[in-house]
Amino acid sequence: MGDMSFTWRGVSSDVHGVIVRSLPAPTSGPQRHTAVVVPGRHGALHLMENARDEVLLNIECYLPYEQGVPVSDLRTIAGWLSGSGRLTLSDQPGVYFEGTILDAISYQPVIPGFEDRLFSLPVWVKPHAYVAGVSDIVMAVSGAEVVNPYTAESEPAIKVVGSGDITLDVGGVDVELDVDGYITLDCEARLAHKDGALAGSRVNLSEWPTLKPGRNVISWTGVVTAVTISPRWRWV
């Protein structure tokens, strides 16, 4: 196998005998904005949104059928390289991307009549690189800090264990909860759930909390046993 590889949905390219010819350079999604041209004003006024667009990553690959390397058949590879999942790249250790493969892959013969194949794998990914191997943060005392050491605000999953009316404050953003045992706030998916069932009726908020770069104070009122945060740290 070559020095370069990628993993898609938990399966390495090496498993299927795919040789990677080139990997995409690190990049980030462009800031979403609206350009407004004001008469008499030079340039444009850019109204920035608190969101970024997804990014297309292209991975250039090669299937070497005639070089003694075990290679999966094309149907198996096509079934693997589909859908949505987690993407990791060998030249960007410690991070992963959340992506989707939307387009059919064209396997071009290197030489007509031979089975060697070239193909480009296009993966649309969310605009951040996520930090791999991050442990959950368990908090038992109100008023403690969570420090985000990375360059982008994160959209965590927050599990609140307790009972009754609870107000959770995450970095100045209040969330009112009606908790019966526990409830989980998925701030990235913008939903609340318990035992696999949606629990949005038990949540009242004006915005979904995030963990901004730097210090974030987490506090609460009410009967709370613990707050567990899956921080989902990420880079811009």
Protein backbone atom coordinates (compact mmCIF):
# COMPACT_ATOMS: atom_id res chain seq x y z
CA MET A 1 0.00 0.00 0.00
CA GLY A 2 1.03 3.60 -0.50
CA ASP A 3 1.82 6.11 2.21
CA MET A 4 -1.48 7.92 1.64
CA SER A 5 -4.89 6.56 2.57
CA PHE A 6 -8.35 7.56 3.72
CA THR A 7 -11.05 5.99 5.86
CA TRP A 8 -14.73 6.25 4.97
CA ARG A 9 -17.46 5.06 7.33
CA GLY A 10 -14.88 3.21 9.42
CA VAL A 11 -13.28 1.29 6.52
CA SER A 12 -9.79 2.11 5.28
CA SER A 13 -8.99 2.45 1.58
CA ASP A 14 -6.24 -0.13 2.16
CA VAL A 15 -8.87 -2.78 2.92
CA HIS A 16 -10.21 -2.57 -0.63
CA GLY A 17 -6.82 -2.21 -2.32
CA VAL A 18 -7.42 1.42 -3.29
CA ILE A 19 -4.21 3.37 -3.83
CA VAL A 20 -4.50 7.09 -3.13
CA ARG A 21 -2.70 9.28 -5.65
CA SER A 22 -3.43 12.63 -3.95
CA LEU A 23 -5.33 13.98 -0.96
CA PRO A 24 -7.02 17.40 -0.72
CA ALA A 25 -5.24 20.22 1.06
CA PRO A 26 -6.62 21.44 4.41
CA THR A 27 -9.36 23.96 3.82
CA SER A 28 -12.35 25.55 5.54
CA GLY A 29 -15.81 26.43 4.35
CA PRO A 30 -16.33 30.02 3.17
CA GLN A 31 -18.21 32.40 5.44
CA ARG A 32 -21.78 32.80 4.23
CA HIS A 33 -22.67 36.42 3.51
CA THR A 34 -24.78 38.78 1.44
CA ALA A 35 -23.05 41.50 -0.59
CA VAL A 36 -24.99 44.77 -0.74
CA VAL A 37 -23.93 47.51 -3.15
CA VAL A 38 -24.67 50.95 -1.70
CA PRO A 39 -24.91 53.80 -4.27
CA GLY A 40 -22.02 56.21 -3.85
CA ARG A 41 -20.06 53.84 -1.62
CA HIS A 42 -16.89 52.19 -2.85
CA GLY A 43 -16.88 48.40 -2.87
CA ALA A 44 -19.71 46.44 -1.28
CA LEU A 45 -21.19 46.06 2.18
CA HIS A 46 -20.88 42.44 3.31
CA LEU A 47 -23.58 41.27 5.72
CA MET A 48 -22.02 38.28 7.44
CA GLU A 49 -24.03 35.29 8.64
CA ASN A 50 -23.03 33.07 11.53
CA ALA A 51 -22.67 30.09 9.20
CA ARG A 52 -20.29 28.59 6.68
CA ASP A 53 -20.88 26.67 3.45
CA GLU A 54 -19.89 23.05 2.96
CA VAL A 55 -16.69 22.13 1.12
CA LEU A 56 -16.02 19.71 -1.73
CA LEU A 57 -13.00 17.48 -1.12
CA ASN A 58 -11.66 15.46 -4.06
CA ILE A 59 -9.54 12.36 -3.44
CA GLU A 60 -7.68 11.01 -6.48
CA CYS A 61 -7.45 7.21 -6.48
CA TYR A 62 -6.12 4.24 -8.46
CA LEU A 63 -7.15 0.58 -8.63
CA PRO A 64 -4.04 -1.46 -9.64
CA TYR A 65 -5.52 -4.72 -10.88
CA GLU A 66 -2.33 -5.88 -12.59
CA GLN A 67 0.20 -5.19 -9.81
CA GLY A 68 -0.40 -8.11 -7.45
CA VAL A 69 -2.45 -6.08 -4.96
CA PRO A 70 -5.74 -7.61 -3.76
CA VAL A 71 -8.47 -5.26 -4.97
CA SER A 72 -12.20 -5.49 -4.27
CA ASP A 73 -14.57 -5.65 -7.21
CA LEU A 74 -16.08 -2.40 -8.49
CA ARG A 75 -19.55 -3.11 -7.14
CA THR A 76 -18.18 -3.63 -3.62
CA ILE A 77 -16.16 -0.41 -3.81
CA ALA A 78 -19.14 1.52 -5.21
CA GLY A 79 -21.34 0.30 -2.36
CA TRP A 80 -18.73 1.35 0.20
CA LEU A 81 -18.16 4.80 -1.34
CA SER A 82 -21.70 6.05 -0.96
CA GLY A 83 -24.03 7.71 1.53
CA SER A 84 -23.02 9.80 4.53
CA GLY A 85 -20.40 9.19 7.19
CA ARG A 86 -17.10 10.12 8.77
CA LEU A 87 -14.03 10.76 6.62
CA THR A 88 -10.44 10.73 7.85
CA LEU A 89 -7.33 11.48 5.78
CA SER A 90 -3.92 10.01 6.52
CA ASP A 91 -2.13 13.35 6.10
CA GLN A 92 -4.40 15.11 8.61
CA PRO A 93 -4.01 13.00 11.77
CA GLY A 94 -6.21 13.72 14.76
CA VAL A 95 -9.13 15.20 12.81
CA TYR A 96 -12.13 13.93 10.91
CA PHE A 97 -14.82 15.31 8.62
CA GLU A 98 -18.55 14.69 8.43
CA GLY A 99 -19.36 14.15 4.78
CA THR A 100 -21.69 12.89 2.07
CA ILE A 101 -20.93 11.29 -1.30
CA LEU A 102 -23.60 12.50 -3.72
CA ASP A 103 -22.22 11.78 -7.20
CA ALA A 104 -21.71 8.47 -8.95
CA ILE A 105 -18.03 7.54 -9.32
CA SER A 106 -16.61 7.01 -12.79
CA TYR A 107 -13.83 4.40 -12.97
CA GLN A 108 -11.72 5.32 -15.99
CA PRO A 109 -9.40 2.69 -17.52
CA VAL A 110 -5.73 3.70 -17.54
CA ILE A 111 -5.29 1.88 -20.86
CA PRO A 112 -8.28 0.67 -22.92
CA GLY A 113 -8.67 -3.09 -22.57
CA PHE A 114 -6.87 -3.32 -19.22
CA GLU A 115 -8.49 -3.39 -15.79
CA ASP A 116 -6.41 -0.71 -14.05
CA ARG A 117 -8.73 2.13 -13.08
CA LEU A 118 -8.42 5.79 -12.10
CA PHE A 119 -11.18 7.58 -10.25
CA SER A 120 -11.84 10.81 -8.39
CA LEU A 121 -13.84 10.58 -5.17
CA PRO A 122 -15.87 13.75 -4.46
CA VAL A 123 -16.96 14.15 -0.83
CA TRP A 124 -19.03 17.10 0.34
CA VAL A 125 -18.06 17.81 3.95
CA LYS A 126 -19.28 20.11 6.67
CA PRO A 127 -17.14 23.26 6.85
CA HIS A 128 -15.14 22.26 9.94
CA ALA A 129 -12.46 19.71 10.76
CA TYR A 130 -13.51 17.91 13.96
CA VAL A 131 -11.01 16.87 16.62
CA ALA A 132 -10.87 13.09 17.04
CA GLY A 133 -10.69 11.20 20.32
CA VAL A 134 -12.24 13.89 22.55
CA SER A 135 -13.56 12.69 25.92
CA ASP A 136 -16.86 13.82 27.42
CA ILE A 137 -16.79 16.47 30.12
CA VAL A 138 -18.78 15.56 33.25
CA MET A 139 -19.81 18.45 35.52
CA ALA A 140 -21.33 18.01 38.96
CA VAL A 141 -20.93 21.58 40.25
CA SER A 142 -22.71 24.62 38.84
CA GLY A 143 -20.54 27.57 37.82
CA ALA A 144 -17.52 25.65 36.51
CA GLU A 145 -15.77 26.59 33.27
CA VAL A 146 -15.29 24.66 30.06
CA VAL A 147 -12.40 25.93 27.94
CA ASN A 148 -12.61 25.62 24.17
CA PRO A 149 -8.96 25.58 22.98
CA TYR A 150 -9.79 25.55 19.25
CA THR A 151 -10.56 28.18 16.62
CA ALA A 152 -14.28 27.55 16.05
CA GLU A 153 -17.25 27.56 18.36
CA SER A 154 -18.52 24.04 18.89
CA GLU A 155 -22.08 22.74 18.85
CA PRO A 156 -22.00 20.18 21.65
CA ALA A 157 -24.33 17.45 22.81
CA ILE A 158 -25.36 18.19 26.41
CA LYS A 159 -26.99 15.59 28.64
CA VAL A 160 -28.72 16.99 31.73
CA VAL A 161 -29.53 14.48 34.47
CA GLY A 162 -32.04 15.66 37.07
CA SER A 163 -35.72 16.30 37.67
CA GLY A 164 -38.29 19.06 37.42
CA ASP A 165 -37.83 22.58 36.13
CA ILE A 166 -34.19 23.32 35.36
CA THR A 167 -32.56 26.37 33.81
CA LEU A 168 -29.22 25.61 32.17
CA ASP A 169 -26.88 28.49 31.32
CA VAL A 170 -24.15 27.77 28.76
CA GLY A 171 -21.87 30.74 28.22
CA GLY A 172 -24.69 33.21 28.81
CA VAL A 173 -27.35 31.35 26.79
CA ASP A 174 -30.26 30.12 28.93
CA VAL A 175 -32.18 26.92 28.23
CA GLU A 176 -35.31 26.10 30.25
CA LEU A 177 -35.90 22.38 30.70
CA ASP A 178 -38.60 20.12 32.11
CA VAL A 179 -36.55 17.06 33.02
CA ASP A 180 -37.80 13.61 33.97
CA GLY A 181 -34.62 11.60 34.60
CA TYR A 182 -32.55 13.16 31.84
CA ILE A 183 -32.71 15.00 28.55
CA THR A 184 -30.09 15.47 25.82
CA LEU A 185 -29.66 18.65 23.82
CA ASP A 186 -28.05 18.06 20.43
CA CYS A 187 -26.99 21.60 19.63
CA GLU A 188 -25.67 20.67 16.17
CA ALA A 189 -28.83 18.87 15.04
CA ARG A 190 -31.00 21.47 16.81
CA LEU A 191 -33.12 18.94 18.67
CA ALA A 192 -33.71 17.50 22.13
CA HIS A 193 -34.30 13.81 22.82
CA LYS A 194 -34.63 11.14 25.48
CA ASP A 195 -34.48 7.37 24.97
CA GLY A 196 -34.50 7.93 21.21
CA ALA A 197 -37.71 9.98 21.29
CA LEU A 198 -37.89 13.69 20.49
CA ALA A 199 -38.39 15.87 23.57
CA GLY A 200 -38.65 19.36 22.11
CA SER A 201 -41.83 20.09 24.08
CA ARG A 202 -39.74 19.92 27.27
CA VAL A 203 -37.30 22.61 26.10
CA ASN A 204 -37.68 26.37 25.85
CA LEU A 205 -34.87 28.46 24.36
CA SER A 206 -34.29 31.46 22.11
CA GLU A 207 -31.08 30.07 20.60
CA TRP A 208 -29.07 26.86 20.79
CA PRO A 209 -26.01 27.14 23.03
CA THR A 210 -22.47 26.81 21.72
CA LEU A 211 -19.02 26.60 23.29
CA LYS A 212 -17.12 29.60 22.01
CA PRO A 213 -13.31 29.66 21.76
CA GLY A 214 -11.95 30.42 25.22
CA ARG A 215 -13.78 30.12 28.53
CA ASN A 216 -17.43 29.16 28.86
CA VAL A 217 -19.17 29.15 32.24
CA ILE A 218 -21.74 26.37 32.71
CA SER A 219 -24.29 26.91 35.48
CA TRP A 220 -27.79 25.82 36.37
CA THR A 221 -30.65 26.16 38.79
CA GLY A 222 -32.95 23.34 39.85
CA VAL A 223 -32.38 19.71 40.79
CA VAL A 224 -29.41 18.60 38.67
CA THR A 225 -27.34 15.47 39.34
CA ALA A 226 -24.84 15.95 36.53
CA VAL A 227 -24.30 17.64 33.19
CA THR A 228 -22.32 15.69 30.60
CA ILE A 229 -20.97 17.57 27.58
CA SER A 230 -19.73 15.95 24.38
CA PRO A 231 -17.87 19.05 23.17
CA ARG A 232 -17.31 18.19 19.49
CA TRP A 233 -14.26 20.44 19.29
CA ARG A 234 -13.50 21.61 15.79
CA TRP A 235 -11.23 23.79 13.70
CA VAL A 236 -12.37 26.50 11.30
